[in-house]
PDB file of N, CA and C in Angstrom:
ATOM      1  N   MET A   1      -3.807  -5.820 -15.841  1.00  0.00           N
ATOM      2  CA  MET A   1      -3.925  -6.823 -14.812  1.00  0.00           C
ATOM      3  C   MET A   1      -4.133  -8.208 -15.401  1.00  0.00           C
ATOM      4  N   CYS A   2      -4.697  -8.251 -16.586  1.00  0.00           N
ATOM      5  CA  CYS A   2      -4.933  -9.564 -17.198  1.00  0.00           C
ATOM      6  C   CYS A   2      -3.624 -10.258 -17.569  1.00  0.00           C
ATOM      7  N   LYS A   3      -2.628  -9.508 -17.974  1.00  0.00           N
ATOM      8  CA  LYS A   3      -1.324 -10.104 -18.281  1.00  0.00           C
ATOM      9  C   LYS A   3      -0.691 -10.657 -17.008  1.00  0.00           C
ATOM     10  N   LEU A   4      -0.860  -9.969 -15.907  1.00  0.00           N
ATOM     11  CA  LEU A   4      -0.358 -10.487 -14.634  1.00  0.00           C
ATOM     12  C   LEU A   4      -1.090 -11.776 -14.269  1.00  0.00           C
ATOM     13  N   ARG A   5      -2.384 -11.825 -14.540  1.00  0.00           N
ATOM     14  CA  ARG A   5      -3.153 -13.058 -14.317  1.00  0.00           C
ATOM     15  C   ARG A   5      -2.557 -14.201 -15.130  1.00  0.00           C
ATOM     16  N   ASP A   6      -2.245 -13.916 -16.388  1.00  0.00           N
ATOM     17  CA  ASP A   6      -1.710 -14.947 -17.280  1.00  0.00           C
ATOM     18  C   ASP A   6      -0.340 -15.440 -16.832  1.00  0.00           C
ATOM     19  N   ASP A   7       0.425 -14.581 -16.194  1.00  0.00           N
ATOM     20  CA  ASP A   7       1.785 -14.920 -15.755  1.00  0.00           C
ATOM     21  C   ASP A   7       1.867 -15.234 -14.262  1.00  0.00           C
ATOM     22  N   LEU A   8       0.734 -15.382 -13.610  1.00  0.00           N
ATOM     23  CA  LEU A   8       0.711 -15.534 -12.159  1.00  0.00           C
ATOM     24  C   LEU A   8       1.531 -16.726 -11.668  1.00  0.00           C
ATOM     25  N   ALA A   9       1.536 -17.819 -12.397  1.00  0.00           N
ATOM     26  CA  ALA A   9       2.299 -19.005 -11.980  1.00  0.00           C
ATOM     27  C   ALA A   9       3.785 -18.681 -11.840  1.00  0.00           C
ATOM     28  N   GLU A  10       4.291 -17.829 -12.729  1.00  0.00           N
ATOM     29  CA  GLU A  10       5.712 -17.452 -12.657  1.00  0.00           C
ATOM     30  C   GLU A  10       6.010 -16.643 -11.393  1.00  0.00           C
ATOM     31  N   PHE A  11       5.082 -15.782 -11.010  1.00  0.00           N
ATOM     32  CA  PHE A  11       5.265 -15.003  -9.783  1.00  0.00           C
ATOM     33  C   PHE A  11       5.120 -15.904  -8.552  1.00  0.00           C
ATOM     34  N   ASN A  12       4.198 -16.863  -8.631  1.00  0.00           N
ATOM     35  CA  ASN A  12       4.012 -17.792  -7.514  1.00  0.00           C
ATOM     36  C   ASN A  12       5.260 -18.632  -7.266  1.00  0.00           C
ATOM     37  N   LYS A  13       5.984 -18.983  -8.323  1.00  0.00           N
ATOM     38  CA  LYS A  13       7.199 -19.799  -8.189  1.00  0.00           C
ATOM     39  C   LYS A  13       8.247 -19.130  -7.303  1.00  0.00           C
ATOM     40  N   ILE A  14       8.278 -17.816  -7.320  1.00  0.00           N
ATOM     41  CA  ILE A  14       9.275 -17.094  -6.511  1.00  0.00           C
ATOM     42  C   ILE A  14       8.645 -16.505  -5.238  1.00  0.00           C
ATOM     43  N   ASN A  15       7.443 -16.985  -4.919  1.00  0.00           N
ATOM     44  CA  ASN A  15       6.713 -16.541  -3.720  1.00  0.00           C
ATOM     45  C   ASN A  15       6.409 -15.046  -3.723  1.00  0.00           C
ATOM     46  N   ALA A  16       6.213 -14.493  -4.906  1.00  0.00           N
ATOM     47  CA  ALA A  16       5.810 -13.087  -5.016  1.00  0.00           C
ATOM     48  C   ALA A  16       4.286 -13.021  -4.940  1.00  0.00           C
ATOM     49  N   GLN A  17       3.777 -12.052  -4.229  1.00  0.00           N
ATOM     50  CA  GLN A  17       2.338 -11.871  -4.129  1.00  0.00           C
ATOM     51  C   GLN A  17       1.923 -10.716  -5.028  1.00  0.00           C
ATOM     52  N   VAL A  18       0.996 -10.982  -5.931  1.00  0.00           N
ATOM     53  CA  VAL A  18       0.472  -9.956  -6.831  1.00  0.00           C
ATOM     54  C   VAL A  18      -0.794  -9.378  -6.200  1.00  0.00           C
ATOM     55  N   VAL A  19      -0.852  -8.053  -6.123  1.00  0.00           N
ATOM     56  CA  VAL A  19      -2.016  -7.351  -5.591  1.00  0.00           C
ATOM     57  C   VAL A  19      -2.291  -6.167  -6.501  1.00  0.00           C
ATOM     58  N   GLY A  20      -3.525  -6.029  -6.930  1.00  0.00           N
ATOM     59  CA  GLY A  20      -3.925  -4.869  -7.719  1.00  0.00           C
ATOM     60  C   GLY A  20      -4.569  -3.828  -6.813  1.00  0.00           C
ATOM     61  N   ILE A  21      -4.356  -2.575  -7.143  1.00  0.00           N
ATOM     62  CA  ILE A  21      -5.021  -1.484  -6.419  1.00  0.00           C
ATOM     63  C   ILE A  21      -5.638  -0.572  -7.466  1.00  0.00           C
ATOM     64  N   ASP A  22      -6.911  -0.271  -7.280  1.00  0.00           N
ATOM     65  CA  ASP A  22      -7.650   0.533  -8.249  1.00  0.00           C
ATOM     66  C   ASP A  22      -8.452   1.586  -7.500  1.00  0.00           C
ATOM     67  N   VAL A  23      -8.707   2.721  -8.138  1.00  0.00           N
ATOM     68  CA  VAL A  23      -9.459   3.787  -7.478  1.00  0.00           C
ATOM     69  C   VAL A  23     -10.973   3.611  -7.591  1.00  0.00           C
ATOM     70  N   ASN A  24     -11.412   2.558  -8.233  1.00  0.00           N
ATOM     71  CA  ASN A  24     -12.848   2.278  -8.278  1.00  0.00           C
ATOM     72  C   ASN A  24     -13.322   1.763  -6.923  1.00  0.00           C
ATOM     73  N   ASP A  25     -14.639   1.746  -6.740  1.00  0.00           N
ATOM     74  CA  ASP A  25     -15.173   1.235  -5.480  1.00  0.00           C
ATOM     75  C   ASP A  25     -15.011  -0.286  -5.416  1.00  0.00           C
ATOM     76  N   PRO A  26     -15.126  -0.874  -4.237  1.00  0.00           N
ATOM     77  CA  PRO A  26     -14.901  -2.317  -4.091  1.00  0.00           C
ATOM     78  C   PRO A  26     -15.814  -3.171  -4.963  1.00  0.00           C
ATOM     79  N   TRP A  27     -17.044  -2.727  -5.192  1.00  0.00           N
ATOM     80  CA  TRP A  27     -17.980  -3.514  -5.995  1.00  0.00           C
ATOM     81  C   TRP A  27     -17.574  -3.519  -7.464  1.00  0.00           C
ATOM     82  N   ALA A  28     -17.099  -2.398  -7.961  1.00  0.00           N
ATOM     83  CA  ALA A  28     -16.613  -2.342  -9.350  1.00  0.00           C
ATOM     84  C   ALA A  28     -15.364  -3.204  -9.500  1.00  0.00           C
ATOM     85  N   ASN A  29     -14.484  -3.163  -8.508  1.00  0.00           N
ATOM     86  CA  ASN A  29     -13.280  -3.994  -8.556  1.00  0.00           C
ATOM     87  C   ASN A  29     -13.632  -5.473  -8.522  1.00  0.00           C
ATOM     88  N   LYS A  30     -14.619  -5.837  -7.705  1.00  0.00           N
ATOM     89  CA  LYS A  30     -15.054  -7.238  -7.633  1.00  0.00           C
ATOM     90  C   LYS A  30     -15.614  -7.685  -8.977  1.00  0.00           C
ATOM     91  N   ALA A  31     -16.439  -6.848  -9.594  1.00  0.00           N
ATOM     92  CA  ALA A  31     -17.015  -7.182 -10.901  1.00  0.00           C
ATOM     93  C   ALA A  31     -15.919  -7.313 -11.954  1.00  0.00           C
ATOM     94  N   PHE A  32     -14.943  -6.411 -11.928  1.00  0.00           N
ATOM     95  CA  PHE A  32     -13.823  -6.470 -12.872  1.00  0.00           C
ATOM     96  C   PHE A  32     -13.036  -7.760 -12.680  1.00  0.00           C
ATOM     97  N   ALA A  33     -12.752  -8.103 -11.433  1.00  0.00           N
ATOM     98  CA  ALA A  33     -11.991  -9.324 -11.138  1.00  0.00           C
ATOM     99  C   ALA A  33     -12.750 -10.562 -11.609  1.00  0.00           C
ATOM    100  N   GLU A  34     -14.046 -10.604 -11.364  1.00  0.00           N
ATOM    101  CA  GLU A  34     -14.850 -11.756 -11.790  1.00  0.00           C
ATOM    102  C   GLU A  34     -14.921 -11.842 -13.307  1.00  0.00           C
ATOM    103  N   LYS A  35     -15.161 -10.722 -13.962  1.00  0.00           N
ATOM    104  CA  LYS A  35     -15.269 -10.702 -15.427  1.00  0.00           C
ATOM    105  C   LYS A  35     -13.978 -11.174 -16.083  1.00  0.00           C
ATOM    106  N   ASN A  36     -12.837 -10.841 -15.472  1.00  0.00           N
ATOM    107  CA  ASN A  36     -11.535 -11.156 -16.061  1.00  0.00           C
ATOM    108  C   ASN A  36     -10.834 -12.340 -15.399  1.00  0.00           C
ATOM    109  N   SER A  37     -11.567 -13.062 -14.563  1.00  0.00           N
ATOM    110  CA  SER A  37     -11.042 -14.262 -13.885  1.00  0.00           C
ATOM    111  C   SER A  37      -9.734 -13.986 -13.147  1.00  0.00           C
ATOM    112  N   LEU A  38      -9.683 -12.865 -12.459  1.00  0.00           N
ATOM    113  CA  LEU A  38      -8.494 -12.527 -11.677  1.00  0.00           C
ATOM    114  C   LEU A  38      -8.566 -13.257 -10.339  1.00  0.00           C
ATOM    115  N   THR A  39      -7.501 -13.931  -9.981  1.00  0.00           N
ATOM    116  CA  THR A  39      -7.493 -14.707  -8.740  1.00  0.00           C
ATOM    117  C   THR A  39      -6.662 -14.046  -7.647  1.00  0.00           C
ATOM    118  N   PHE A  40      -6.060 -12.911  -7.938  1.00  0.00           N
ATOM    119  CA  PHE A  40      -5.314 -12.168  -6.922  1.00  0.00           C
ATOM    120  C   PHE A  40      -6.177 -11.006  -6.437  1.00  0.00           C
ATOM    121  N   PRO A  41      -5.908 -10.488  -5.253  1.00  0.00           N
ATOM    122  CA  PRO A  41      -6.742  -9.421  -4.692  1.00  0.00           C
ATOM    123  C   PRO A  41      -6.654  -8.119  -5.489  1.00  0.00           C
ATOM    124  N   ILE A  42      -7.805  -7.464  -5.622  1.00  0.00           N
ATOM    125  CA  ILE A  42      -7.885  -6.117  -6.193  1.00  0.00           C
ATOM    126  C   ILE A  42      -8.446  -5.228  -5.081  1.00  0.00           C
ATOM    127  N   LEU A  43      -7.600  -4.388  -4.541  1.00  0.00           N
ATOM    128  CA  LEU A  43      -7.993  -3.522  -3.439  1.00  0.00           C
ATOM    129  C   LEU A  43      -8.516  -2.191  -3.964  1.00  0.00           C
ATOM    130  N   SER A  44      -9.402  -1.580  -3.202  1.00  0.00           N
ATOM    131  CA  SER A  44      -9.980  -0.300  -3.591  1.00  0.00           C
ATOM    132  C   SER A  44      -9.264   0.853  -2.894  1.00  0.00           C
ATOM    133  N   ASP A  45      -8.838   1.815  -3.699  1.00  0.00           N
ATOM    134  CA  ASP A  45      -8.270   3.066  -3.187  1.00  0.00           C
ATOM    135  C   ASP A  45      -9.237   4.193  -3.544  1.00  0.00           C
ATOM    136  N   TYR A  46     -10.497   3.978  -3.204  1.00  0.00           N
ATOM    137  CA  TYR A  46     -11.568   4.890  -3.590  1.00  0.00           C
ATOM    138  C   TYR A  46     -11.314   6.326  -3.130  1.00  0.00           C
ATOM    139  N   ASN A  47     -10.690   6.484  -1.976  1.00  0.00           N
ATOM    140  CA  ASN A  47     -10.410   7.832  -1.456  1.00  0.00           C
ATOM    141  C   ASN A  47      -9.094   8.412  -1.963  1.00  0.00           C
ATOM    142  N   ARG A  48      -8.425   7.652  -2.826  1.00  0.00           N
ATOM    143  CA  ARG A  48      -7.177   8.097  -3.479  1.00  0.00           C
ATOM    144  C   ARG A  48      -6.018   8.297  -2.499  1.00  0.00           C
ATOM    145  N   GLU A  49      -6.038   7.632  -1.380  1.00  0.00           N
ATOM    146  CA  GLU A  49      -4.963   7.776  -0.400  1.00  0.00           C
ATOM    147  C   GLU A  49      -3.657   7.162  -0.899  1.00  0.00           C
ATOM    148  N   VAL A  50      -3.738   5.978  -1.482  1.00  0.00           N
ATOM    149  CA  VAL A  50      -2.525   5.286  -1.938  1.00  0.00           C
ATOM    150  C   VAL A  50      -1.911   5.999  -3.136  1.00  0.00           C
ATOM    151  N   VAL A  51      -2.736   6.401  -4.101  1.00  0.00           N
ATOM    152  CA  VAL A  51      -2.170   7.075  -5.277  1.00  0.00           C
ATOM    153  C   VAL A  51      -1.527   8.406  -4.895  1.00  0.00           C
ATOM    154  N   ARG A  52      -2.060   9.057  -3.889  1.00  0.00           N
ATOM    155  CA  ARG A  52      -1.441  10.308  -3.415  1.00  0.00           C
ATOM    156  C   ARG A  52      -0.142  10.007  -2.659  1.00  0.00           C
ATOM    157  N   MET A  53      -0.147   8.953  -1.850  1.00  0.00           N
ATOM    158  CA  MET A  53       1.046   8.579  -1.087  1.00  0.00           C
ATOM    159  C   MET A  53       2.209   8.241  -2.022  1.00  0.00           C
ATOM    160  N   TYR A  54       1.898   7.562  -3.132  1.00  0.00           N
ATOM    161  CA  TYR A  54       2.934   7.168  -4.088  1.00  0.00           C
ATOM    162  C   TYR A  54       3.100   8.181  -5.224  1.00  0.00           C
ATOM    163  N   ASN A  55       2.322   9.267  -5.182  1.00  0.00           N
ATOM    164  CA  ASN A  55       2.400  10.336  -6.179  1.00  0.00           C
ATOM    165  C   ASN A  55       2.203   9.812  -7.603  1.00  0.00           C
ATOM    166  N   VAL A  56       1.137   9.028  -7.777  1.00  0.00           N
ATOM    167  CA  VAL A  56       0.836   8.459  -9.097  1.00  0.00           C
ATOM    168  C   VAL A  56      -0.620   8.768  -9.465  1.00  0.00           C
ATOM    169  N   PHE A  57      -0.896  10.040  -9.686  1.00  0.00           N
ATOM    170  CA  PHE A  57      -2.262  10.429 -10.007  1.00  0.00           C
ATOM    171  C   PHE A  57      -2.279  11.598 -10.987  1.00  0.00           C
ATOM    172  N   HIS A  58      -3.389  11.685 -11.704  1.00  0.00           N
ATOM    173  CA  HIS A  58      -3.665  12.804 -12.610  1.00  0.00           C
ATOM    174  C   HIS A  58      -4.719  13.673 -11.923  1.00  0.00           C
ATOM    175  N   ASN A  59      -4.441  14.947 -11.757  1.00  0.00           N
ATOM    176  CA  ASN A  59      -5.460  15.882 -11.293  1.00  0.00           C
ATOM    177  C   ASN A  59      -6.288  16.342 -12.481  1.00  0.00           C
ATOM    178  N   ASP A  60      -7.565  16.591 -12.242  1.00  0.00           N
ATOM    179  CA  ASP A  60      -8.467  17.097 -13.289  1.00  0.00           C
ATOM    180  C   ASP A  60      -8.392  16.228 -14.545  1.00  0.00           C
ATOM    181  N   PHE A  61      -8.378  14.919 -14.351  1.00  0.00           N
ATOM    182  CA  PHE A  61      -8.229  13.972 -15.458  1.00  0.00           C
ATOM    183  C   PHE A  61      -9.367  14.134 -16.461  1.00  0.00           C
ATOM    184  N   GLY A  62      -9.015  14.099 -17.737  1.00  0.00           N
ATOM    185  CA  GLY A  62     -10.003  14.248 -18.803  1.00  0.00           C
ATOM    186  C   GLY A  62     -10.669  15.606 -18.800  1.00  0.00           C
ATOM    187  N   ASN A  63      -9.949  16.605 -18.285  1.00  0.00           N
ATOM    188  CA  ASN A  63     -10.475  17.970 -18.156  1.00  0.00           C
ATOM    189  C   ASN A  63     -11.702  18.048 -17.251  1.00  0.00           C
ATOM    190  N   LEU A  64     -11.830  17.074 -16.343  1.00  0.00           N
ATOM    191  CA  LEU A  64     -12.920  17.095 -15.372  1.00  0.00           C
ATOM    192  C   LEU A  64     -12.388  17.695 -14.073  1.00  0.00           C
ATOM    193  N   LYS A  65     -12.744  18.935 -13.824  1.00  0.00           N
ATOM    194  CA  LYS A  65     -12.230  19.648 -12.651  1.00  0.00           C
ATOM    195  C   LYS A  65     -12.547  18.869 -11.378  1.00  0.00           C
ATOM    196  N   GLY A  66     -11.501  18.627 -10.603  1.00  0.00           N
ATOM    197  CA  GLY A  66     -11.663  17.933  -9.334  1.00  0.00           C
ATOM    198  C   GLY A  66     -11.618  16.418  -9.409  1.00  0.00           C
ATOM    199  N   TYR A  67     -11.564  15.851 -10.628  1.00  0.00           N
ATOM    200  CA  TYR A  67     -11.528  14.388 -10.751  1.00  0.00           C
ATOM    201  C   TYR A  67     -10.081  13.907 -10.758  1.00  0.00           C
ATOM    202  N   THR A  68      -9.754  13.058  -9.807  1.00  0.00           N
ATOM    203  CA  THR A  68      -8.412  12.500  -9.687  1.00  0.00           C
ATOM    204  C   THR A  68      -8.434  11.053 -10.148  1.00  0.00           C
ATOM    205  N   ALA A  69      -7.587  10.730 -11.109  1.00  0.00           N
ATOM    206  CA  ALA A  69      -7.471   9.358 -11.616  1.00  0.00           C
ATOM    207  C   ALA A  69      -6.070   8.841 -11.321  1.00  0.00           C
ATOM    208  N   ALA A  70      -5.967   7.537 -11.154  1.00  0.00           N
ATOM    209  CA  ALA A  70      -4.660   6.920 -10.917  1.00  0.00           C
ATOM    210  C   ALA A  70      -3.890   6.826 -12.219  1.00  0.00           C
ATOM    211  N   LYS A  71      -2.586   7.023 -12.126  1.00  0.00           N
ATOM    212  CA  LYS A  71      -1.714   6.739 -13.267  1.00  0.00           C
ATOM    213  C   LYS A  71      -1.481   5.233 -13.286  1.00  0.00           C
ATOM    214  N   ARG A  72      -1.334   4.686 -14.465  1.00  0.00           N
ATOM    215  CA  ARG A  72      -0.985   3.271 -14.553  1.00  0.00           C
ATOM    216  C   ARG A  72       0.419   3.127 -13.984  1.00  0.00           C
ATOM    217  N   SER A  73       0.554   2.258 -13.012  1.00  0.00           N
ATOM    218  CA  SER A  73       1.845   2.122 -12.339  1.00  0.00           C
ATOM    219  C   SER A  73       2.004   0.734 -11.737  1.00  0.00           C
ATOM    220  N   VAL A  74       3.257   0.371 -11.520  1.00  0.00           N
ATOM    221  CA  VAL A  74       3.607  -0.904 -10.896  1.00  0.00           C
ATOM    222  C   VAL A  74       4.703  -0.636  -9.874  1.00  0.00           C
ATOM    223  N   PHE A  75       4.532  -1.194  -8.700  1.00  0.00           N
ATOM    224  CA  PHE A  75       5.545  -1.117  -7.655  1.00  0.00           C
ATOM    225  C   PHE A  75       5.845  -2.528  -7.183  1.00  0.00           C
ATOM    226  N   ILE A  76       7.113  -2.821  -7.002  1.00  0.00           N
ATOM    227  CA  ILE A  76       7.521  -4.088  -6.404  1.00  0.00           C
ATOM    228  C   ILE A  76       8.151  -3.739  -5.066  1.00  0.00           C
ATOM    229  N   LEU A  77       7.645  -4.381  -4.026  1.00  0.00           N
ATOM    230  CA  LEU A  77       8.133  -4.140  -2.671  1.00  0.00           C
ATOM    231  C   LEU A  77       8.788  -5.405  -2.144  1.00  0.00           C
ATOM    232  N   ASP A  78       9.818  -5.219  -1.350  1.00  0.00           N
ATOM    233  CA  ASP A  78      10.447  -6.385  -0.727  1.00  0.00           C
ATOM    234  C   ASP A  78       9.658  -6.777   0.528  1.00  0.00           C
ATOM    235  N   GLN A  79      10.158  -7.759   1.256  1.00  0.00           N
ATOM    236  CA  GLN A  79       9.457  -8.272   2.434  1.00  0.00           C
ATOM    237  C   GLN A  79       9.310  -7.225   3.534  1.00  0.00           C
ATOM    238  N   ASN A  80      10.124  -6.181   3.495  1.00  0.00           N
ATOM    239  CA  ASN A  80      10.057  -5.111   4.492  1.00  0.00           C
ATOM    240  C   ASN A  80       9.213  -3.925   4.035  1.00  0.00           C
ATOM    241  N   GLY A  81       8.599  -4.038   2.855  1.00  0.00           N
ATOM    242  CA  GLY A  81       7.772  -2.954   2.343  1.00  0.00           C
ATOM    243  C   GLY A  81       8.551  -1.864   1.634  1.00  0.00           C
ATOM    244  N   VAL A  82       9.820  -2.111   1.348  1.00  0.00           N
ATOM    245  CA  VAL A  82      10.658  -1.133   0.650  1.00  0.00           C
ATOM    246  C   VAL A  82      10.469  -1.302  -0.857  1.00  0.00           C
ATOM    247  N   VAL A  83      10.228  -0.200  -1.545  1.00  0.00           N
ATOM    248  CA  VAL A  83      10.057  -0.244  -3.000  1.00  0.00           C
ATOM    249  C   VAL A  83      11.399  -0.564  -3.649  1.00  0.00           C
ATOM    250  N   THR A  84      11.430  -1.655  -4.416  1.00  0.00           N
ATOM    251  CA  THR A  84      12.659  -2.052  -5.113  1.00  0.00           C
ATOM    252  C   THR A  84      12.554  -1.819  -6.612  1.00  0.00           C
ATOM    253  N   TYR A  85      11.336  -1.557  -7.092  1.00  0.00           N
ATOM    254  CA  TYR A  85      11.120  -1.328  -8.523  1.00  0.00           C
ATOM    255  C   TYR A  85       9.888  -0.450  -8.662  1.00  0.00           C
ATOM    256  N   LYS A  86       9.955   0.475  -9.632  1.00  0.00           N
ATOM    257  CA  LYS A  86       8.836   1.389  -9.858  1.00  0.00           C
ATOM    258  C   LYS A  86       8.709   1.652 -11.348  1.00  0.00           C
ATOM    259  N   TRP A  87       7.488   1.583 -11.847  1.00  0.00           N
ATOM    260  CA  TRP A  87       7.178   1.945 -13.230  1.00  0.00           C
ATOM    261  C   TRP A  87       5.901   2.767 -13.193  1.00  0.00           C
ATOM    262  N   VAL A  88       5.923   3.948 -13.808  1.00  0.00           N
ATOM    263  CA  VAL A  88       4.766   4.842 -13.826  1.00  0.00           C
ATOM    264  C   VAL A  88       4.636   5.423 -15.220  1.00  0.00           C
ATOM    265  N   SER A  89       3.403   5.482 -15.719  1.00  0.00           N
ATOM    266  CA  SER A  89       3.164   6.063 -17.037  1.00  0.00           C
ATOM    267  C   SER A  89       2.128   7.177 -16.946  1.00  0.00           C
ATOM    268  N   ASP A  90       2.405   8.277 -17.627  1.00  0.00           N
ATOM    269  CA  ASP A  90       1.409   9.339 -17.755  1.00  0.00           C
ATOM    270  C   ASP A  90       0.361   8.985 -18.803  1.00  0.00           C
ATOM    271  N   ASP A  91       0.659   7.995 -19.632  1.00  0.00           N
ATOM    272  CA  ASP A  91      -0.234   7.554 -20.707  1.00  0.00           C
ATOM    273  C   ASP A  91      -1.038   6.348 -20.225  1.00  0.00           C
ATOM    274  N   PRO A  92      -2.355   6.506 -20.009  1.00  0.00           N
ATOM    275  CA  PRO A  92      -3.150   5.398 -19.482  1.00  0.00           C
ATOM    276  C   PRO A  92      -3.293   4.210 -20.439  1.00  0.00           C
ATOM    277  N   THR A  93      -2.887   4.373 -21.690  1.00  0.00           N
ATOM    278  CA  THR A  93      -2.980   3.256 -22.636  1.00  0.00           C
ATOM    279  C   THR A  93      -1.705   2.419 -22.674  1.00  0.00           C
ATOM    280  N   LYS A  94      -0.636   2.918 -22.042  1.00  0.00           N
ATOM    281  CA  LYS A  94       0.654   2.225 -22.078  1.00  0.00           C
ATOM    282  C   LYS A  94       0.733   1.189 -20.965  1.00  0.00           C
ATOM    283  N   GLU A  95       1.288   0.033 -21.293  1.00  0.00           N
ATOM    284  CA  GLU A  95       1.473  -1.025 -20.300  1.00  0.00           C
ATOM    285  C   GLU A  95       2.956  -1.197 -20.006  1.00  0.00           C
ATOM    286  N   PRO A  96       3.268  -1.742 -18.837  1.00  0.00           N
ATOM    287  CA  PRO A  96       4.680  -1.949 -18.498  1.00  0.00           C
ATOM    288  C   PRO A  96       5.295  -3.073 -19.315  1.00  0.00           C
ATOM    289  N   ASN A  97       6.600  -3.152 -19.277  1.00  0.00           N
ATOM    290  CA  ASN A  97       7.323  -4.270 -19.880  1.00  0.00           C
ATOM    291  C   ASN A  97       7.239  -5.422 -18.875  1.00  0.00           C
ATOM    292  N   TYR A  98       6.435  -6.420 -19.200  1.00  0.00           N
ATOM    293  CA  TYR A  98       6.171  -7.493 -18.241  1.00  0.00           C
ATOM    294  C   TYR A  98       7.389  -8.375 -17.999  1.00  0.00           C
ATOM    295  N   ASP A  99       8.253  -8.524 -18.986  1.00  0.00           N
ATOM    296  CA  ASP A  99       9.487  -9.281 -18.767  1.00  0.00           C
ATOM    297  C   ASP A  99      10.374  -8.563 -17.749  1.00  0.00           C
ATOM    298  N   GLU A 100      10.395  -7.239 -17.837  1.00  0.00           N
ATOM    299  CA  GLU A 100      11.158  -6.433 -16.877  1.00  0.00           C
ATOM    300  C   GLU A 100      10.593  -6.603 -15.459  1.00  0.00           C
ATOM    301  N   LEU A 101       9.265  -6.659 -15.357  1.00  0.00           N
ATOM    302  CA  LEU A 101       8.637  -6.867 -14.049  1.00  0.00           C
ATOM    303  C   LEU A 101       9.043  -8.206 -13.446  1.00  0.00           C
ATOM    304  N   LYS A 102       9.055  -9.227 -14.286  1.00  0.00           N
ATOM    305  CA  LYS A 102       9.436 -10.561 -13.799  1.00  0.00           C
ATOM    306  C   LYS A 102      10.878 -10.562 -13.309  1.00  0.00           C
ATOM    307  N   LYS A 103      11.770  -9.938 -14.076  1.00  0.00           N
ATOM    308  CA  LYS A 103      13.184  -9.878 -13.679  1.00  0.00           C
ATOM    309  C   LYS A 103      13.347  -9.115 -12.365  1.00  0.00           C
ATOM    310  N   ALA A 104      12.650  -8.004 -12.237  1.00  0.00           N
ATOM    311  CA  ALA A 104      12.735  -7.216 -11.005  1.00  0.00           C
ATOM    312  C   ALA A 104      12.163  -7.992  -9.820  1.00  0.00           C
ATOM    313  N   SER A 105      11.135  -8.781 -10.067  1.00  0.00           N
ATOM    314  CA  SER A 105      10.548  -9.599  -9.000  1.00  0.00           C
ATOM    315  C   SER A 105      11.521 -10.667  -8.534  1.00  0.00           C
ATOM    316  N   VAL A 106      12.220 -11.284  -9.481  1.00  0.00           N
ATOM    317  CA  VAL A 106      13.208 -12.312  -9.133  1.00  0.00           C
ATOM    318  C   VAL A 106      14.329 -11.701  -8.302  1.00  0.00           C
ATOM    319  N   LYS A 107      14.784 -10.504  -8.678  1.00  0.00           N
ATOM    320  CA  LYS A 107      15.855  -9.834  -7.929  1.00  0.00           C
ATOM    321  C   LYS A 107      15.419  -9.510  -6.499  1.00  0.00           C
ATOM    322  N   THR A 108      14.142  -9.206  -6.331  1.00  0.00           N
ATOM    323  CA  THR A 108      13.624  -8.822  -5.021  1.00  0.00           C
ATOM    324  C   THR A 108      13.331 -10.035  -4.144  1.00  0.00           C
ATOM    325  N   ALA A 109      13.015 -11.165  -4.773  1.00  0.00           N
ATOM    326  CA  ALA A 109      12.603 -12.372  -4.010  1.00  0.00           C
ATOM    327  C   ALA A 109      13.696 -12.882  -3.101  1.00  0.00           C
TER     328      ALA A 109
END
């Protein structure tokens, strides 16, 4: 999310809205946003509804039975809410290609 923060002006130029969604509670997300000077919204998916809807989750993550974690993922939606770009990683340490995200955002704008 910090790279998106750094590139936010480029997304603003094409009227793209950046929104983060995390499975942490709202207070943890607020603390994360403040610590990292994030100026875009970070929404809480504490009940894992969004990650299940988009099928981007790990069951029993870290061998913790019953613990569901979000996969690192990026979705770009058009003005009608249709997904025009999707990137999902099973590896939580891997980040998306940010240049690719910018290009996909321009195509969708």
